Amino acid sequence: DATLVEREFHAYEDSRRDHYADCAACETNFRAWYRLQTGDYDAAAQIAAPLLEERESCAEVPHITFSIFCVPAKLAGDDRAHHFQIRGYELIRNNRDFSMEVAEHLRFKLIDGEIDDGVTMLERHLPWVLDSLMDSRQLEFYDAAAHLLEHVEVRDVTIRAEGLPDAVEGRADLETLRQFCAEKAVLIARAFDE
């Protein structure tokens, strides 16, 4: 129920901060993320301004912020979308803890038509996700990867897929990898529903 969710969100915003609260940057990021989920890009961007302008930060923010904003910014026609994608990826590309955020960059590459760049990114980060024990990270990555791979024009290629069970010498054909990612995404999503 959207009304109940909105009421609870306002209660959260009105609550007094205590020693259990996230840092200020993470709290700002959460409020912006919530507004993105409700489809209010302008309000989200306004809330996230201190993060997107890198005036407020912590160990995870604005890394996550740039990542969650790149696709909505592109869809909203925000001229900063490419900056968000480039800067966000720059901040996360060497840290396995951000494998879920890599999914947003794969989605950006897909909607921006940069399929080859997206495949390169997928190849680089697939081992992270295969090693991850966090289903939510795997779900987001596999879903984004499967959709990206559907749009690769040359179908008879192999892709670097180190760690993939069916890989031969660290490579897999496009359809095998796409099918693996799609099936894993569905299995994880079903497990969340149970």
C-alpha atoms as a PDB file:
ATOM      1  CA  ASP A   1       0.000   0.000   0.000  1.00  0.00           C
ATOM      2  CA  ALA A   2       1.689   3.179  -1.231  1.00  0.00           C
ATOM      3  CA  THR A   3      -0.106   5.370   1.316  1.00  0.00           C
ATOM      4  CA  LEU A   4       1.168   3.289   4.218  1.00  0.00           C
ATOM      5  CA  VAL A   5       4.715   3.279   2.824  1.00  0.00           C
ATOM      6  CA  GLU A   6       4.644   7.051   2.399  1.00  0.00           C
ATOM      7  CA  ARG A   7       3.305   7.515   5.937  1.00  0.00           C
ATOM      8  CA  GLU A   8       6.058   5.282   7.354  1.00  0.00           C
ATOM      9  CA  PHE A   9       8.691   7.123   5.321  1.00  0.00           C
ATOM     10  CA  HIS A  10       7.518  10.451   6.775  1.00  0.00           C
ATOM     11  CA  ALA A  11       7.656   8.921  10.273  1.00  0.00           C
ATOM     12  CA  TYR A  12      11.242   7.875   9.535  1.00  0.00           C
ATOM     13  CA  GLU A  13      12.113  11.386   8.331  1.00  0.00           C
ATOM     14  CA  ASP A  14      10.527  12.935  11.430  1.00  0.00           C
ATOM     15  CA  SER A  15      12.264  10.601  13.862  1.00  0.00           C
ATOM     16  CA  ARG A  16      15.105  11.844  16.022  1.00  0.00           C
ATOM     17  CA  ARG A  17      18.580  10.606  15.083  1.00  0.00           C
ATOM     18  CA  ASP A  18      20.201   8.329  17.623  1.00  0.00           C
ATOM     19  CA  HIS A  19      23.423   6.377  17.899  1.00  0.00           C
ATOM     20  CA  TYR A  20      21.936   3.559  15.772  1.00  0.00           C
ATOM     21  CA  ALA A  21      21.421   5.826  12.770  1.00  0.00           C
ATOM     22  CA  ASP A  22      23.536   5.630   9.635  1.00  0.00           C
ATOM     23  CA  CYS A  23      25.898   8.488   8.935  1.00  0.00           C
ATOM     24  CA  ALA A  24      24.408  11.688   7.492  1.00  0.00           C
ATOM     25  CA  ALA A  25      25.579  10.872   3.957  1.00  0.00           C
ATOM     26  CA  CYS A  26      23.974   7.415   4.036  1.00  0.00           C
ATOM     27  CA  GLU A  27      20.747   8.868   5.428  1.00  0.00           C
ATOM     28  CA  THR A  28      20.672  11.423   2.606  1.00  0.00           C
ATOM     29  CA  ASN A  29      21.336   8.654   0.088  1.00  0.00           C
ATOM     30  CA  PHE A  30      18.477   6.578   1.499  1.00  0.00           C
ATOM     31  CA  ARG A  31      16.025   9.486   1.302  1.00  0.00           C
ATOM     32  CA  ALA A  32      17.051  10.119  -2.321  1.00  0.00           C
ATOM     33  CA  TRP A  33      16.808   6.391  -3.161  1.00  0.00           C
ATOM     34  CA  TYR A  34      13.295   6.313  -1.720  1.00  0.00           C
ATOM     35  CA  ARG A  35      12.215   9.221  -3.919  1.00  0.00           C
ATOM     36  CA  LEU A  36      13.715   7.461  -6.954  1.00  0.00           C
ATOM     37  CA  GLN A  37      11.602   4.410  -6.072  1.00  0.00           C
ATOM     38  CA  THR A  38       8.470   6.547  -6.031  1.00  0.00           C
ATOM     39  CA  GLY A  39       9.353   7.928  -9.479  1.00  0.00           C
ATOM     40  CA  ASP A  40      10.019  11.473  -8.304  1.00  0.00           C
ATOM     41  CA  TYR A  41      13.367  12.093  -9.990  1.00  0.00           C
ATOM     42  CA  ASP A  42      13.380  15.850  -9.379  1.00  0.00           C
ATOM     43  CA  ALA A  43      12.805  15.470  -5.636  1.00  0.00           C
ATOM     44  CA  ALA A  44      15.418  12.704  -5.468  1.00  0.00           C
ATOM     45  CA  ALA A  45      17.992  14.829  -7.290  1.00  0.00           C
ATOM     46  CA  GLN A  46      17.300  17.761  -4.997  1.00  0.00           C
ATOM     47  CA  ILE A  47      17.729  15.604  -1.884  1.00  0.00           C
ATOM     48  CA  ALA A  48      20.915  14.039  -3.285  1.00  0.00           C
ATOM     49  CA  ALA A  49      22.492  17.331  -4.404  1.00  0.00           C
ATOM     50  CA  PRO A  50      25.100  17.400  -1.598  1.00  0.00           C
ATOM     51  CA  LEU A  51      26.133  13.862  -2.568  1.00  0.00           C
ATOM     52  CA  LEU A  52      26.055  14.331  -6.336  1.00  0.00           C
ATOM     53  CA  GLU A  53      28.125  17.495  -5.928  1.00  0.00           C
ATOM     54  CA  GLU A  54      30.473  15.552  -3.596  1.00  0.00           C
ATOM     55  CA  ARG A  55      30.015  17.993  -0.716  1.00  0.00           C
ATOM     56  CA  GLU A  56      28.915  15.152   1.572  1.00  0.00           C
ATOM     57  CA  SER A  57      30.441  11.675   1.605  1.00  0.00           C
ATOM     58  CA  CYS A  58      31.444   8.563   3.515  1.00  0.00           C
ATOM     59  CA  ALA A  59      33.007   5.193   2.632  1.00  0.00           C
ATOM     60  CA  GLU A  60      30.024   4.175   0.454  1.00  0.00           C
ATOM     61  CA  VAL A  61      28.471   7.454  -0.583  1.00  0.00           C
ATOM     62  CA  PRO A  62      28.462   9.030  -3.173  1.00  0.00           C
ATOM     63  CA  HIS A  63      29.671   5.765  -4.764  1.00  0.00           C
ATOM     64  CA  ILE A  64      26.205   4.250  -4.403  1.00  0.00           C
ATOM     65  CA  THR A  65      24.469   7.554  -5.160  1.00  0.00           C
ATOM     66  CA  PHE A  66      26.084   8.048  -8.556  1.00  0.00           C
ATOM     67  CA  SER A  67      25.325   4.432  -9.389  1.00  0.00           C
ATOM     68  CA  ILE A  68      21.630   4.561  -8.485  1.00  0.00           C
ATOM     69  CA  PHE A  69      21.207   7.909 -10.258  1.00  0.00           C
ATOM     70  CA  CYS A  70      22.857   7.213 -13.629  1.00  0.00           C
ATOM     71  CA  VAL A  71      19.910   5.335 -15.207  1.00  0.00           C
ATOM     72  CA  PRO A  72      17.097   7.536 -13.803  1.00  0.00           C
ATOM     73  CA  ALA A  73      19.087  10.635 -14.830  1.00  0.00           C
ATOM     74  CA  LYS A  74      19.412   9.303 -18.381  1.00  0.00           C
ATOM     75  CA  LEU A  75      15.699   8.482 -18.538  1.00  0.00           C
ATOM     76  CA  ALA A  76      14.787  11.913 -17.133  1.00  0.00           C
ATOM     77  CA  GLY A  77      16.968  13.676 -19.700  1.00  0.00           C
ATOM     78  CA  ASP A  78      19.323  15.044 -17.049  1.00  0.00           C
ATOM     79  CA  ASP A  79      22.503  16.249 -18.788  1.00  0.00           C
ATOM     80  CA  ARG A  80      24.538  14.960 -15.851  1.00  0.00           C
ATOM     81  CA  ALA A  81      23.695  11.287 -16.515  1.00  0.00           C
ATOM     82  CA  HIS A  82      27.003  10.475 -18.226  1.00  0.00           C
ATOM     83  CA  HIS A  83      28.940  12.226 -15.469  1.00  0.00           C
ATOM     84  CA  PHE A  84      27.040  10.197 -12.857  1.00  0.00           C
ATOM     85  CA  GLN A  85      27.852   6.960 -14.678  1.00  0.00           C
ATOM     86  CA  ILE A  86      31.523   7.757 -15.252  1.00  0.00           C
ATOM     87  CA  ARG A  87      32.168   9.088 -11.755  1.00  0.00           C
ATOM     88  CA  GLY A  88      30.138   6.350 -10.084  1.00  0.00           C
ATOM     89  CA  TYR A  89      31.946   3.575 -11.922  1.00  0.00           C
ATOM     90  CA  GLU A  90      35.279   5.213 -11.192  1.00  0.00           C
ATOM     91  CA  LEU A  91      34.477   5.031  -7.471  1.00  0.00           C
ATOM     92  CA  ILE A  92      33.280   1.396  -7.421  1.00  0.00           C
ATOM     93  CA  ARG A  93      35.168  -0.478 -10.123  1.00  0.00           C
ATOM     94  CA  ASN A  94      37.880  -1.864  -7.832  1.00  0.00           C
ATOM     95  CA  ASN A  95      35.742  -2.809  -4.840  1.00  0.00           C
ATOM     96  CA  ARG A  96      33.814  -6.103  -4.735  1.00  0.00           C
ATOM     97  CA  ASP A  97      31.450  -4.652  -2.136  1.00  0.00           C
ATOM     98  CA  PHE A  98      29.825  -2.656  -4.933  1.00  0.00           C
ATOM     99  CA  SER A  99      28.923  -5.549  -7.229  1.00  0.00           C
ATOM    100  CA  MET A 100      25.212  -4.690  -6.923  1.00  0.00           C
ATOM    101  CA  GLU A 101      25.926  -1.138  -8.059  1.00  0.00           C
ATOM    102  CA  VAL A 102      27.798  -2.489 -11.104  1.00  0.00           C
ATOM    103  CA  ALA A 103      24.385  -3.710 -12.278  1.00  0.00           C
ATOM    104  CA  GLU A 104      23.213  -0.100 -12.573  1.00  0.00           C
ATOM    105  CA  HIS A 105      26.185   0.669 -14.782  1.00  0.00           C
ATOM    106  CA  LEU A 106      25.397  -2.349 -16.987  1.00  0.00           C
ATOM    107  CA  ARG A 107      21.838  -1.029 -17.323  1.00  0.00           C
ATOM    108  CA  PHE A 108      23.155   2.421 -18.197  1.00  0.00           C
ATOM    109  CA  LYS A 109      25.411   0.991 -20.913  1.00  0.00           C
ATOM    110  CA  LEU A 110      22.418  -0.874 -22.339  1.00  0.00           C
ATOM    111  CA  ILE A 111      20.072   2.115 -22.533  1.00  0.00           C
ATOM    112  CA  ASP A 112      22.894   4.334 -23.794  1.00  0.00           C
ATOM    113  CA  GLY A 113      23.649   1.848 -26.591  1.00  0.00           C
ATOM    114  CA  GLU A 114      27.197   1.207 -25.372  1.00  0.00           C
ATOM    115  CA  ILE A 115      26.788  -2.573 -25.525  1.00  0.00           C
ATOM    116  CA  ASP A 116      30.477  -3.401 -26.083  1.00  0.00           C
ATOM    117  CA  ASP A 117      31.506  -1.294 -23.091  1.00  0.00           C
ATOM    118  CA  GLY A 118      28.832  -3.024 -21.050  1.00  0.00           C
ATOM    119  CA  VAL A 119      30.122  -6.464 -22.057  1.00  0.00           C
ATOM    120  CA  THR A 120      33.663  -5.447 -21.058  1.00  0.00           C
ATOM    121  CA  MET A 121      32.294  -4.333 -17.690  1.00  0.00           C
ATOM    122  CA  LEU A 122      30.352  -7.592 -17.326  1.00  0.00           C
ATOM    123  CA  GLU A 123      33.476  -9.657 -18.060  1.00  0.00           C
ATOM    124  CA  ARG A 124      35.443  -7.753 -15.452  1.00  0.00           C
ATOM    125  CA  HIS A 125      32.889  -8.093 -12.669  1.00  0.00           C
ATOM    126  CA  LEU A 126      31.322 -11.516 -13.295  1.00  0.00           C
ATOM    127  CA  PRO A 127      33.883 -13.271 -11.045  1.00  0.00           C
ATOM    128  CA  TRP A 128      32.877 -10.966  -8.165  1.00  0.00           C
ATOM    129  CA  VAL A 129      29.260 -12.003  -8.466  1.00  0.00           C
ATOM    130  CA  LEU A 130      30.042 -15.688  -8.893  1.00  0.00           C
ATOM    131  CA  ASP A 131      31.999 -15.487  -5.611  1.00  0.00           C
ATOM    132  CA  SER A 132      29.375 -13.404  -3.795  1.00  0.00           C
ATOM    133  CA  LEU A 133      27.274 -14.924  -1.048  1.00  0.00           C
ATOM    134  CA  MET A 134      24.727 -12.092  -1.166  1.00  0.00           C
ATOM    135  CA  ASP A 135      21.665 -13.003  -3.204  1.00  0.00           C
ATOM    136  CA  SER A 136      20.567  -9.385  -3.654  1.00  0.00           C
ATOM    137  CA  ARG A 137      23.897  -8.508  -5.315  1.00  0.00           C
ATOM    138  CA  GLN A 138      23.690 -11.558  -7.540  1.00  0.00           C
ATOM    139  CA  LEU A 139      20.065 -10.900  -8.513  1.00  0.00           C
ATOM    140  CA  GLU A 140      20.688  -7.337  -9.665  1.00  0.00           C
ATOM    141  CA  PHE A 141      23.849  -8.234 -11.581  1.00  0.00           C
ATOM    142  CA  TYR A 142      22.438 -11.342 -13.280  1.00  0.00           C
ATOM    143  CA  ASP A 143      19.264  -9.513 -14.294  1.00  0.00           C
ATOM    144  CA  ALA A 144      21.199  -6.587 -15.792  1.00  0.00           C
ATOM    145  CA  ALA A 145      23.712  -8.919 -17.472  1.00  0.00           C
ATOM    146  CA  ALA A 146      21.000 -11.074 -19.081  1.00  0.00           C
ATOM    147  CA  HIS A 147      19.273  -8.006 -20.535  1.00  0.00           C
ATOM    148  CA  LEU A 148      22.560  -6.567 -21.785  1.00  0.00           C
ATOM    149  CA  LEU A 149      23.557  -9.836 -23.458  1.00  0.00           C
ATOM    150  CA  GLU A 150      20.232  -9.969 -25.330  1.00  0.00           C
ATOM    151  CA  HIS A 151      21.397  -6.888 -27.236  1.00  0.00           C
ATOM    152  CA  VAL A 152      24.832  -8.069 -28.364  1.00  0.00           C
ATOM    153  CA  GLU A 153      24.579  -8.047 -32.160  1.00  0.00           C
ATOM    154  CA  VAL A 154      27.294 -10.566 -33.010  1.00  0.00           C
ATOM    155  CA  ARG A 155      25.843 -13.784 -31.593  1.00  0.00           C
ATOM    156  CA  ASP A 156      28.671 -16.240 -32.335  1.00  0.00           C
ATOM    157  CA  VAL A 157      31.224 -14.794 -29.934  1.00  0.00           C
ATOM    158  CA  THR A 158      32.659 -16.116 -26.713  1.00  0.00           C
ATOM    159  CA  ILE A 159      32.910 -13.927 -23.668  1.00  0.00           C
ATOM    160  CA  ARG A 160      35.408 -14.076 -20.842  1.00  0.00           C
ATOM    161  CA  ALA A 161      33.521 -15.841 -18.067  1.00  0.00           C
ATOM    162  CA  GLU A 162      36.089 -16.922 -15.512  1.00  0.00           C
ATOM    163  CA  GLY A 163      34.488 -19.043 -12.815  1.00  0.00           C
ATOM    164  CA  LEU A 164      31.339 -19.863 -14.783  1.00  0.00           C
ATOM    165  CA  PRO A 165      30.604 -23.599 -14.370  1.00  0.00           C
ATOM    166  CA  ASP A 166      30.214 -24.239 -18.125  1.00  0.00           C
ATOM    167  CA  ALA A 167      33.135 -22.057 -19.222  1.00  0.00           C
ATOM    168  CA  VAL A 168      35.807 -23.603 -21.392  1.00  0.00           C
ATOM    169  CA  GLU A 169      39.248 -22.162 -20.732  1.00  0.00           C
ATOM    170  CA  GLY A 170      37.623 -19.225 -18.956  1.00  0.00           C
ATOM    171  CA  ARG A 171      35.262 -18.364 -21.829  1.00  0.00           C
ATOM    172  CA  ALA A 172      31.606 -19.067 -22.594  1.00  0.00           C
ATOM    173  CA  ASP A 173      29.506 -18.572 -25.676  1.00  0.00           C
ATOM    174  CA  LEU A 174      27.115 -15.649 -25.535  1.00  0.00           C
ATOM    175  CA  GLU A 175      23.902 -17.660 -25.293  1.00  0.00           C
ATOM    176  CA  THR A 176      25.246 -19.933 -22.539  1.00  0.00           C
ATOM    177  CA  LEU A 177      26.216 -16.922 -20.449  1.00  0.00           C
ATOM    178  CA  ARG A 178      22.932 -15.098 -21.143  1.00  0.00           C
ATOM    179  CA  GLN A 179      20.907 -18.155 -20.226  1.00  0.00           C
ATOM    180  CA  PHE A 180      22.962 -18.740 -17.062  1.00  0.00           C
ATOM    181  CA  CYS A 181      22.408 -15.136 -15.930  1.00  0.00           C
ATOM    182  CA  ALA A 182      18.685 -15.179 -16.743  1.00  0.00           C
ATOM    183  CA  GLU A 183      18.119 -18.491 -14.954  1.00  0.00           C
ATOM    184  CA  LYS A 184      20.084 -17.405 -11.873  1.00  0.00           C
ATOM    185  CA  ALA A 185      18.098 -14.144 -11.685  1.00  0.00           C
ATOM    186  CA  VAL A 186      14.791 -16.029 -11.826  1.00  0.00           C
ATOM    187  CA  LEU A 187      15.889 -18.589  -9.216  1.00  0.00           C
ATOM    188  CA  ILE A 188      17.020 -15.903  -6.788  1.00  0.00           C
ATOM    189  CA  ALA A 189      13.877 -13.823  -7.346  1.00  0.00           C
ATOM    190  CA  ARG A 190      11.690 -16.886  -6.674  1.00  0.00           C
ATOM    191  CA  ALA A 191      13.609 -17.593  -3.475  1.00  0.00           C
ATOM    192  CA  PHE A 192      12.915 -14.042  -2.313  1.00  0.00           C
ATOM    193  CA  ASP A 193       9.209 -14.580  -3.006  1.00  0.00           C
ATOM    194  CA  GLU A 194       9.030 -17.759  -0.928  1.00  0.00           C
END
